[in-house]
Amino acid sequence: MMGRRIMCSVAALGALGLCGSGVAHADEQGYLDYATNHGATVNGFTTPILLNAGHSMCPLLAQGQSPEQIGQTFFYPGGSPASVAMLARGAQQELCAPS
């Protein structure tokens, strides 16, 4: 009986995960387009780096940090505080789930 409850609980959590997966707003192409339109170089080499940086900024934004604060503290190879803040704004707009 206990095993069956655990199986049902796992199945229910899995179903919730599937239902909830559409809630997050994660438009990677939109983020890359935003970055391109704001001066970032997007190519086969930089794309995974940009996406990783953008996704890494989402928890910081969710904690209440502004894009400008992230620009001052987040390391991005060769990035200035202004360019990192721009990436954070793009992540906020295109990658991160709404708060």
PDB file of N, CA and C in Angstrom:
ATOM      1  N   MET A   1       0.822  -1.198   0.000  1.00  0.00           N
ATOM      2  CA  MET A   1       0.000   0.000   0.000  1.00  0.00           C
ATOM      3  C   MET A   1       0.870   1.269   0.000  1.00  0.00           C
ATOM      4  N   MET A   2       1.924   1.260   0.833  1.00  0.00           N
ATOM      5  CA  MET A   2       2.822   2.412   0.904  1.00  0.00           C
ATOM      6  C   MET A   2       3.513   2.639  -0.436  1.00  0.00           C
ATOM      7  N   GLY A   3       3.937   1.552  -1.089  1.00  0.00           N
ATOM      8  CA  GLY A   3       4.581   1.663  -2.390  1.00  0.00           C
ATOM      9  C   GLY A   3       3.661   2.274  -3.423  1.00  0.00           C
ATOM     10  N   ARG A   4       2.396   1.931  -3.353  1.00  0.00           N
ATOM     11  CA  ARG A   4       1.432   2.472  -4.313  1.00  0.00           C
ATOM     12  C   ARG A   4       1.242   3.971  -4.099  1.00  0.00           C
ATOM     13  N   ARG A   5       1.216   4.416  -2.835  1.00  0.00           N
ATOM     14  CA  ARG A   5       1.081   5.847  -2.544  1.00  0.00           C
ATOM     15  C   ARG A   5       2.284   6.620  -3.079  1.00  0.00           C
ATOM     16  N   ILE A   6       3.447   6.045  -2.900  1.00  0.00           N
ATOM     17  CA  ILE A   6       4.657   6.702  -3.402  1.00  0.00           C
ATOM     18  C   ILE A   6       4.602   6.796  -4.919  1.00  0.00           C
ATOM     19  N   MET A   7       4.192   5.719  -5.570  1.00  0.00           N
ATOM     20  CA  MET A   7       4.092   5.731  -7.038  1.00  0.00           C
ATOM     21  C   MET A   7       3.094   6.789  -7.489  1.00  0.00           C
ATOM     22  N   CYS A   8       1.943   6.879  -6.809  1.00  0.00           N
ATOM     23  CA  CYS A   8       0.938   7.881  -7.177  1.00  0.00           C
ATOM     24  C   CYS A   8       1.469   9.291  -6.944  1.00  0.00           C
ATOM     25  N   SER A   9       2.205   9.486  -5.851  1.00  0.00           N
ATOM     26  CA  SER A   9       2.781  10.799  -5.567  1.00  0.00           C
ATOM     27  C   SER A   9       3.797  11.196  -6.627  1.00  0.00           C
ATOM     28  N   VAL A  10       4.637  10.257  -7.010  1.00  0.00           N
ATOM     29  CA  VAL A  10       5.631  10.522  -8.051  1.00  0.00           C
ATOM     30  C   VAL A  10       4.936  10.838  -9.367  1.00  0.00           C
ATOM     31  N   ALA A  11       3.896  10.079  -9.703  1.00  0.00           N
ATOM     32  CA  ALA A  11       3.155  10.330 -10.940  1.00  0.00           C
ATOM     33  C   ALA A  11       2.493  11.700 -10.904  1.00  0.00           C
ATOM     34  N   ALA A  12       1.927  12.072  -9.758  1.00  0.00           N
ATOM     35  CA  ALA A  12       1.278  13.378  -9.642  1.00  0.00           C
ATOM     36  C   ALA A  12       2.294  14.505  -9.782  1.00  0.00           C
ATOM     37  N   LEU A  13       3.443  14.365  -9.135  1.00  0.00           N
ATOM     38  CA  LEU A  13       4.480  15.387  -9.271  1.00  0.00           C
ATOM     39  C   LEU A  13       4.970  15.495 -10.707  1.00  0.00           C
ATOM     40  N   GLY A  14       5.105  14.371 -11.375  1.00  0.00           N
ATOM     41  CA  GLY A  14       5.513  14.392 -12.778  1.00  0.00           C
ATOM     42  C   GLY A  14       4.496  15.101 -13.641  1.00  0.00           C
ATOM     43  N   ALA A  15       3.216  14.845 -13.385  1.00  0.00           N
ATOM     44  CA  ALA A  15       2.163  15.509 -14.151  1.00  0.00           C
ATOM     45  C   ALA A  15       2.178  17.006 -13.890  1.00  0.00           C
ATOM     46  N   LEU A  16       2.380  17.403 -12.639  1.00  0.00           N
ATOM     47  CA  LEU A  16       2.474  18.826 -12.334  1.00  0.00           C
ATOM     48  C   LEU A  16       3.655  19.461 -13.052  1.00  0.00           C
ATOM     49  N   GLY A  17       4.755  18.759 -13.105  1.00  0.00           N
ATOM     50  CA  GLY A  17       5.932  19.275 -13.802  1.00  0.00           C
ATOM     51  C   GLY A  17       5.663  19.485 -15.271  1.00  0.00           C
ATOM     52  N   LEU A  18       4.944  18.551 -15.883  1.00  0.00           N
ATOM     53  CA  LEU A  18       4.619  18.693 -17.298  1.00  0.00           C
ATOM     54  C   LEU A  18       3.664  19.846 -17.519  1.00  0.00           C
ATOM     55  N   CYS A  19       2.686  19.968 -16.646  1.00  0.00           N
ATOM     56  CA  CYS A  19       1.715  21.049 -16.791  1.00  0.00           C
ATOM     57  C   CYS A  19       2.363  22.404 -16.552  1.00  0.00           C
ATOM     58  N   GLY A  20       3.269  22.465 -15.609  1.00  0.00           N
ATOM     59  CA  GLY A  20       3.892  23.730 -15.267  1.00  0.00           C
ATOM     60  C   GLY A  20       5.008  24.140 -16.196  1.00  0.00           C
ATOM     61  N   SER A  21       5.478  23.236 -17.041  1.00  0.00           N
ATOM     62  CA  SER A  21       6.634  23.563 -17.869  1.00  0.00           C
ATOM     63  C   SER A  21       6.342  24.656 -18.880  1.00  0.00           C
ATOM     64  N   GLY A  22       5.092  24.847 -19.257  1.00  0.00           N
ATOM     65  CA  GLY A  22       4.749  25.885 -20.212  1.00  0.00           C
ATOM     66  C   GLY A  22       4.652  27.259 -19.594  1.00  0.00           C
ATOM     67  N   VAL A  23       4.720  27.358 -18.280  1.00  0.00           N
ATOM     68  CA  VAL A  23       4.543  28.625 -17.599  1.00  0.00           C
ATOM     69  C   VAL A  23       5.761  29.525 -17.757  1.00  0.00           C
ATOM     70  N   ALA A  24       6.926  28.962 -17.690  1.00  0.00           N
ATOM     71  CA  ALA A  24       8.147  29.761 -17.774  1.00  0.00           C
ATOM     72  C   ALA A  24       8.274  30.391 -19.155  1.00  0.00           C
ATOM     73  N   HIS A  25       8.757  31.611 -19.166  1.00  0.00           N
ATOM     74  CA  HIS A  25       8.949  32.338 -20.414  1.00  0.00           C
ATOM     75  C   HIS A  25      10.429  32.289 -20.755  1.00  0.00           C
ATOM     76  N   ALA A  26      10.788  31.367 -21.614  1.00  0.00           N
ATOM     77  CA  ALA A  26      12.205  31.229 -21.963  1.00  0.00           C
ATOM     78  C   ALA A  26      12.341  31.213 -23.472  1.00  0.00           C
ATOM     79  N   ASP A  27      12.573  32.372 -24.032  1.00  0.00           N
ATOM     80  CA  ASP A  27      12.716  32.497 -25.476  1.00  0.00           C
ATOM     81  C   ASP A  27      14.189  32.743 -25.793  1.00  0.00           C
ATOM     82  N   GLU A  28      14.917  31.650 -25.989  1.00  0.00           N
ATOM     83  CA  GLU A  28      16.355  31.772 -26.224  1.00  0.00           C
ATOM     84  C   GLU A  28      16.660  32.536 -27.498  1.00  0.00           C
ATOM     85  N   GLN A  29      15.911  32.297 -28.558  1.00  0.00           N
ATOM     86  CA  GLN A  29      16.170  33.025 -29.798  1.00  0.00           C
ATOM     87  C   GLN A  29      15.871  34.507 -29.622  1.00  0.00           C
ATOM     88  N   GLY A  30      14.819  34.823 -28.884  1.00  0.00           N
ATOM     89  CA  GLY A  30      14.507  36.221 -28.595  1.00  0.00           C
ATOM     90  C   GLY A  30      15.630  36.900 -27.818  1.00  0.00           C
ATOM     91  N   TYR A  31      16.219  36.165 -26.879  1.00  0.00           N
ATOM     92  CA  TYR A  31      17.345  36.687 -26.100  1.00  0.00           C
ATOM     93  C   TYR A  31      18.553  36.931 -27.000  1.00  0.00           C
ATOM     94  N   LEU A  32      18.844  35.973 -27.868  1.00  0.00           N
ATOM     95  CA  LEU A  32      19.977  36.141 -28.789  1.00  0.00           C
ATOM     96  C   LEU A  32      19.726  37.298 -29.748  1.00  0.00           C
ATOM     97  N   ASP A  33      18.484  37.445 -30.214  1.00  0.00           N
ATOM     98  CA  ASP A  33      18.141  38.580 -31.082  1.00  0.00           C
ATOM     99  C   ASP A  33      18.319  39.898 -30.328  1.00  0.00           C
ATOM    100  N   TYR A  34      17.866  39.933 -29.075  1.00  0.00           N
ATOM    101  CA  TYR A  34      18.025  41.128 -28.243  1.00  0.00           C
ATOM    102  C   TYR A  34      19.510  41.474 -28.120  1.00  0.00           C
ATOM    103  N   ALA A  35      20.325  40.464 -27.819  1.00  0.00           N
ATOM    104  CA  ALA A  35      21.765  40.687 -27.669  1.00  0.00           C
ATOM    105  C   ALA A  35      22.371  41.218 -28.967  1.00  0.00           C
ATOM    106  N   THR A  36      21.997  40.620 -30.095  1.00  0.00           N
ATOM    107  CA  THR A  36      22.499  41.069 -31.396  1.00  0.00           C
ATOM    108  C   THR A  36      22.097  42.515 -31.662  1.00  0.00           C
ATOM    109  N   ASN A  37      20.828  42.829 -31.417  1.00  0.00           N
ATOM    110  CA  ASN A  37      20.320  44.177 -31.674  1.00  0.00           C
ATOM    111  C   ASN A  37      20.940  45.227 -30.761  1.00  0.00           C
ATOM    112  N   HIS A  38      21.568  44.784 -29.679  1.00  0.00           N
ATOM    113  CA  HIS A  38      22.200  45.710 -28.746  1.00  0.00           C
ATOM    114  C   HIS A  38      23.726  45.612 -28.771  1.00  0.00           C
ATOM    115  N   GLY A  39      24.272  45.041 -29.850  1.00  0.00           N
ATOM    116  CA  GLY A  39      25.709  45.102 -30.076  1.00  0.00           C
ATOM    117  C   GLY A  39      26.532  43.881 -29.722  1.00  0.00           C
ATOM    118  N   ALA A  40      25.913  42.825 -29.219  1.00  0.00           N
ATOM    119  CA  ALA A  40      26.688  41.624 -28.887  1.00  0.00           C
ATOM    120  C   ALA A  40      26.975  40.821 -30.150  1.00  0.00           C
ATOM    121  N   THR A  41      28.100  40.142 -30.160  1.00  0.00           N
ATOM    122  CA  THR A  41      28.442  39.248 -31.260  1.00  0.00           C
ATOM    123  C   THR A  41      27.846  37.881 -30.956  1.00  0.00           C
ATOM    124  N   VAL A  42      26.945  37.440 -31.829  1.00  0.00           N
ATOM    125  CA  VAL A  42      26.292  36.136 -31.652  1.00  0.00           C
ATOM    126  C   VAL A  42      26.708  35.249 -32.812  1.00  0.00           C
ATOM    127  N   ASN A  43      27.411  34.163 -32.481  1.00  0.00           N
ATOM    128  CA  ASN A  43      27.826  33.201 -33.502  1.00  0.00           C
ATOM    129  C   ASN A  43      27.891  31.820 -32.855  1.00  0.00           C
ATOM    130  N   GLY A  44      28.383  30.862 -33.577  1.00  0.00           N
ATOM    131  CA  GLY A  44      28.444  29.498 -33.064  1.00  0.00           C
ATOM    132  C   GLY A  44      29.275  29.355 -31.803  1.00  0.00           C
ATOM    133  N   PHE A  45      30.272  30.195 -31.645  1.00  0.00           N
ATOM    134  CA  PHE A  45      31.117  30.140 -30.455  1.00  0.00           C
ATOM    135  C   PHE A  45      30.467  30.841 -29.266  1.00  0.00           C
ATOM    136  N   THR A  46      29.901  32.027 -29.502  1.00  0.00           N
ATOM    137  CA  THR A  46      29.378  32.828 -28.387  1.00  0.00           C
ATOM    138  C   THR A  46      27.974  32.435 -27.954  1.00  0.00           C
ATOM    139  N   THR A  47      27.205  31.793 -28.824  1.00  0.00           N
ATOM    140  CA  THR A  47      25.813  31.468 -28.484  1.00  0.00           C
ATOM    141  C   THR A  47      25.686  30.699 -27.174  1.00  0.00           C
ATOM    142  N   PRO A  48      26.399  29.575 -26.977  1.00  0.00           N
ATOM    143  CA  PRO A  48      26.220  28.867 -25.702  1.00  0.00           C
ATOM    144  C   PRO A  48      26.705  29.675 -24.498  1.00  0.00           C
ATOM    145  N   ILE A  49      27.712  30.516 -24.693  1.00  0.00           N
ATOM    146  CA  ILE A  49      28.215  31.348 -23.596  1.00  0.00           C
ATOM    147  C   ILE A  49      27.170  32.392 -23.224  1.00  0.00           C
ATOM    148  N   LEU A  50      26.586  33.029 -24.234  1.00  0.00           N
ATOM    149  CA  LEU A  50      25.543  34.023 -23.988  1.00  0.00           C
ATOM    150  C   LEU A  50      24.333  33.401 -23.304  1.00  0.00           C
ATOM    151  N   LEU A  51      23.903  32.233 -23.790  1.00  0.00           N
ATOM    152  CA  LEU A  51      22.734  31.577 -23.197  1.00  0.00           C
ATOM    153  C   LEU A  51      23.006  31.170 -21.753  1.00  0.00           C
ATOM    154  N   ASN A  52      24.184  30.642 -21.494  1.00  0.00           N
ATOM    155  CA  ASN A  52      24.534  30.262 -20.126  1.00  0.00           C
ATOM    156  C   ASN A  52      24.536  31.488 -19.216  1.00  0.00           C
ATOM    157  N   ALA A  53      25.106  32.568 -19.690  1.00  0.00           N
ATOM    158  CA  ALA A  53      25.129  33.797 -18.893  1.00  0.00           C
ATOM    159  C   ALA A  53      23.710  34.288 -18.631  1.00  0.00           C
ATOM    160  N   GLY A  54      22.896  34.321 -19.676  1.00  0.00           N
ATOM    161  CA  GLY A  54      21.519  34.796 -19.513  1.00  0.00           C
ATOM    162  C   GLY A  54      20.731  33.963 -18.523  1.00  0.00           C
ATOM    163  N   HIS A  55      20.818  32.644 -18.657  1.00  0.00           N
ATOM    164  CA  HIS A  55      20.098  31.772 -17.723  1.00  0.00           C
ATOM    165  C   HIS A  55      20.649  31.913 -16.305  1.00  0.00           C
ATOM    166  N   SER A  56      21.939  32.165 -16.169  1.00  0.00           N
ATOM    167  CA  SER A  56      22.547  32.344 -14.846  1.00  0.00           C
ATOM    168  C   SER A  56      22.115  33.649 -14.192  1.00  0.00           C
ATOM    169  N   MET A  57      21.697  34.612 -14.988  1.00  0.00           N
ATOM    170  CA  MET A  57      21.259  35.896 -14.449  1.00  0.00           C
ATOM    171  C   MET A  57      19.832  35.839 -13.907  1.00  0.00           C
ATOM    172  N   CYS A  58      19.027  34.898 -14.370  1.00  0.00           N
ATOM    173  CA  CYS A  58      17.619  34.833 -13.950  1.00  0.00           C
ATOM    174  C   CYS A  58      17.453  34.726 -12.435  1.00  0.00           C
ATOM    175  N   PRO A  59      18.192  33.851 -11.742  1.00  0.00           N
ATOM    176  CA  PRO A  59      18.031  33.807 -10.281  1.00  0.00           C
ATOM    177  C   PRO A  59      18.430  35.121  -9.601  1.00  0.00           C
ATOM    178  N   LEU A  60      19.424  35.797 -10.147  1.00  0.00           N
ATOM    179  CA  LEU A  60      19.848  37.080  -9.581  1.00  0.00           C
ATOM    180  C   LEU A  60      18.746  38.119  -9.744  1.00  0.00           C
ATOM    181  N   LEU A  61      18.123  38.134 -10.913  1.00  0.00           N
ATOM    182  CA  LEU A  61      17.007  39.041 -11.158  1.00  0.00           C
ATOM    183  C   LEU A  61      15.830  38.697 -10.251  1.00  0.00           C
ATOM    184  N   ALA A  62      15.573  37.408 -10.081  1.00  0.00           N
ATOM    185  CA  ALA A  62      14.470  36.964  -9.221  1.00  0.00           C
ATOM    186  C   ALA A  62      14.710  37.360  -7.761  1.00  0.00           C
ATOM    187  N   GLN A  63      15.984  37.470  -7.368  1.00  0.00           N
ATOM    188  CA  GLN A  63      16.325  37.893  -6.002  1.00  0.00           C
ATOM    189  C   GLN A  63      16.188  39.401  -5.830  1.00  0.00           C
ATOM    190  N   GLY A  64      15.897  40.104  -6.917  1.00  0.00           N
ATOM    191  CA  GLY A  64      15.685  41.541  -6.832  1.00  0.00           C
ATOM    192  C   GLY A  64      16.840  42.400  -7.306  1.00  0.00           C
ATOM    193  N   GLN A  65      17.898  41.783  -7.807  1.00  0.00           N
ATOM    194  CA  GLN A  65      19.002  42.587  -8.332  1.00  0.00           C
ATOM    195  C   GLN A  65      18.570  43.242  -9.641  1.00  0.00           C
ATOM    196  N   SER A  66      18.981  44.462  -9.839  1.00  0.00           N
ATOM    197  CA  SER A  66      18.686  45.157 -11.090  1.00  0.00           C
ATOM    198  C   SER A  66      19.714  44.749 -12.140  1.00  0.00           C
ATOM    199  N   PRO A  67      19.390  44.948 -13.422  1.00  0.00           N
ATOM    200  CA  PRO A  67      20.386  44.681 -14.458  1.00  0.00           C
ATOM    201  C   PRO A  67      21.685  45.469 -14.234  1.00  0.00           C
ATOM    202  N   GLU A  68      21.559  46.692 -13.725  1.00  0.00           N
ATOM    203  CA  GLU A  68      22.747  47.503 -13.478  1.00  0.00           C
ATOM    204  C   GLU A  68      23.599  46.905 -12.359  1.00  0.00           C
ATOM    205  N   GLN A  69      22.954  46.386 -11.306  1.00  0.00           N
ATOM    206  CA  GLN A  69      23.710  45.726 -10.233  1.00  0.00           C
ATOM    207  C   GLN A  69      24.415  44.481 -10.762  1.00  0.00           C
ATOM    208  N   ILE A  70      23.709  43.724 -11.584  1.00  0.00           N
ATOM    209  CA  ILE A  70      24.307  42.525 -12.172  1.00  0.00           C
ATOM    210  C   ILE A  70      25.493  42.917 -13.043  1.00  0.00           C
ATOM    211  N   GLY A  71      25.356  44.017 -13.775  1.00  0.00           N
ATOM    212  CA  GLY A  71      26.451  44.500 -14.613  1.00  0.00           C
ATOM    213  C   GLY A  71      27.716  44.797 -13.828  1.00  0.00           C
ATOM    214  N   GLN A  72      27.559  45.189 -12.577  1.00  0.00           N
ATOM    215  CA  GLN A  72      28.713  45.518 -11.733  1.00  0.00           C
ATOM    216  C   GLN A  72      29.369  44.287 -11.114  1.00  0.00           C
ATOM    217  N   THR A  73      28.628  43.177 -11.008  1.00  0.00           N
ATOM    218  CA  THR A  73      29.152  42.037 -10.250  1.00  0.00           C
ATOM    219  C   THR A  73      29.283  40.740 -11.040  1.00  0.00           C
ATOM    220  N   PHE A  74      28.593  40.622 -12.166  1.00  0.00           N
ATOM    221  CA  PHE A  74      28.574  39.364 -12.916  1.00  0.00           C
ATOM    222  C   PHE A  74      29.748  39.341 -13.891  1.00  0.00           C
ATOM    223  N   PHE A  75      30.512  38.265 -13.883  1.00  0.00           N
ATOM    224  CA  PHE A  75      31.646  38.158 -14.806  1.00  0.00           C
ATOM    225  C   PHE A  75      31.174  37.581 -16.134  1.00  0.00           C
ATOM    226  N   TYR A  76      31.461  38.306 -17.203  1.00  0.00           N
ATOM    227  CA  TYR A  76      31.250  37.818 -18.562  1.00  0.00           C
ATOM    228  C   TYR A  76      32.548  38.106 -19.311  1.00  0.00           C
ATOM    229  N   PRO A  77      33.137  37.090 -19.965  1.00  0.00           N
ATOM    230  CA  PRO A  77      34.436  37.280 -20.624  1.00  0.00           C
ATOM    231  C   PRO A  77      34.444  38.476 -21.580  1.00  0.00           C
ATOM    232  N   GLY A  78      35.291  39.437 -21.296  1.00  0.00           N
ATOM    233  CA  GLY A  78      35.431  40.608 -22.152  1.00  0.00           C
ATOM    234  C   GLY A  78      34.291  41.599 -22.045  1.00  0.00           C
ATOM    235  N   GLY A  79      33.387  41.389 -21.103  1.00  0.00           N
ATOM    236  CA  GLY A  79      32.218  42.260 -20.985  1.00  0.00           C
ATOM    237  C   GLY A  79      32.441  43.418 -20.032  1.00  0.00           C
ATOM    238  N   SER A  80      31.947  44.574 -20.422  1.00  0.00           N
ATOM    239  CA  SER A  80      31.974  45.745 -19.550  1.00  0.00           C
ATOM    240  C   SER A  80      30.724  45.713 -18.671  1.00  0.00           C
ATOM    241  N   PRO A  81      30.686  46.508 -17.602  1.00  0.00           N
ATOM    242  CA  PRO A  81      29.467  46.566 -16.802  1.00  0.00           C
ATOM    243  C   PRO A  81      28.235  46.941 -17.633  1.00  0.00           C
ATOM    244  N   ALA A  82      28.401  47.844 -18.586  1.00  0.00           N
ATOM    245  CA  ALA A  82      27.266  48.242 -19.428  1.00  0.00           C
ATOM    246  C   ALA A  82      26.797  47.097 -20.320  1.00  0.00           C
ATOM    247  N   SER A  83      27.736  46.344 -20.892  1.00  0.00           N
ATOM    248  CA  SER A  83      27.328  45.246 -21.774  1.00  0.00           C
ATOM    249  C   SER A  83      26.710  44.097 -20.981  1.00  0.00           C
ATOM    250  N   VAL A  84      27.202  43.856 -19.763  1.00  0.00           N
ATOM    251  CA  VAL A  84      26.614  42.811 -18.924  1.00  0.00           C
ATOM    252  C   VAL A  84      25.215  43.235 -18.476  1.00  0.00           C
ATOM    253  N   ALA A  85      25.031  44.509 -18.146  1.00  0.00           N
ATOM    254  CA  ALA A  85      23.701  45.010 -17.784  1.00  0.00           C
ATOM    255  C   ALA A  85      22.740  44.854 -18.960  1.00  0.00           C
ATOM    256  N   MET A  86      23.229  45.097 -20.170  1.00  0.00           N
ATOM    257  CA  MET A  86      22.398  44.907 -21.362  1.00  0.00           C
ATOM    258  C   MET A  86      21.969  43.450 -21.475  1.00  0.00           C
ATOM    259  N   LEU A  87      22.894  42.519 -21.254  1.00  0.00           N
ATOM    260  CA  LEU A  87      22.549  41.095 -21.307  1.00  0.00           C
ATOM    261  C   LEU A  87      21.539  40.746 -20.221  1.00  0.00           C
ATOM    262  N   ALA A  88      21.680  41.351 -19.050  1.00  0.00           N
ATOM    263  CA  ALA A  88      20.729  41.103 -17.963  1.00  0.00           C
ATOM    264  C   ALA A  88      19.338  41.618 -18.328  1.00  0.00           C
ATOM    265  N   ARG A  89      19.270  42.780 -18.989  1.00  0.00           N
ATOM    266  CA  ARG A  89      17.966  43.292 -19.438  1.00  0.00           C
ATOM    267  C   ARG A  89      17.353  42.358 -20.469  1.00  0.00           C
ATOM    268  N   GLY A  90      18.181  41.837 -21.365  1.00  0.00           N
ATOM    269  CA  GLY A  90      17.687  40.879 -22.351  1.00  0.00           C
ATOM    270  C   GLY A  90      17.199  39.605 -21.695  1.00  0.00           C
ATOM    271  N   ALA A  91      17.938  39.125 -20.704  1.00  0.00           N
ATOM    272  CA  ALA A  91      17.518  37.919 -19.979  1.00  0.00           C
ATOM    273  C   ALA A  91      16.204  38.175 -19.257  1.00  0.00           C
ATOM    274  N   GLN A  92      16.093  39.332 -18.629  1.00  0.00           N
ATOM    275  CA  GLN A  92      14.879  39.700 -17.907  1.00  0.00           C
ATOM    276  C   GLN A  92      13.674  39.716 -18.842  1.00  0.00           C
ATOM    277  N   GLN A  93      13.872  40.234 -20.030  1.00  0.00           N
ATOM    278  CA  GLN A  93      12.788  40.365 -21.008  1.00  0.00           C
ATOM    279  C   GLN A  93      12.475  39.055 -21.713  1.00  0.00           C
ATOM    280  N   GLU A  94      13.486  38.262 -22.034  1.00  0.00           N
ATOM    281  CA  GLU A  94      13.284  37.111 -22.916  1.00  0.00           C
ATOM    282  C   GLU A  94      13.428  35.736 -22.266  1.00  0.00           C
ATOM    283  N   LEU A  95      14.266  35.600 -21.248  1.00  0.00           N
ATOM    284  CA  LEU A  95      14.579  34.267 -20.717  1.00  0.00           C
ATOM    285  C   LEU A  95      13.915  33.935 -19.389  1.00  0.00           C
ATOM    286  N   CYS A  96      13.822  34.909 -18.517  1.00  0.00           N
ATOM    287  CA  CYS A  96      13.414  34.627 -17.141  1.00  0.00           C
ATOM    288  C   CYS A  96      11.899  34.598 -17.002  1.00  0.00           C
ATOM    289  N   ALA A  97      11.437  33.683 -16.164  1.00  0.00           N
ATOM    290  CA  ALA A  97      10.000  33.590 -15.889  1.00  0.00           C
ATOM    291  C   ALA A  97       9.553  34.885 -15.226  1.00  0.00           C
ATOM    292  N   PRO A  98       8.348  35.338 -15.551  1.00  0.00           N
ATOM    293  CA  PRO A  98       7.867  36.573 -14.916  1.00  0.00           C
ATOM    294  C   PRO A  98       7.764  36.401 -13.403  1.00  0.00           C
ATOM    295  N   SER A  99       8.070  37.469 -12.672  1.00  0.00           N
ATOM    296  CA  SER A  99       8.004  37.399 -11.208  1.00  0.00           C
ATOM    297  C   SER A  99       6.602  37.672 -10.731  1.00  0.00           C
TER     298      SER A  99
END
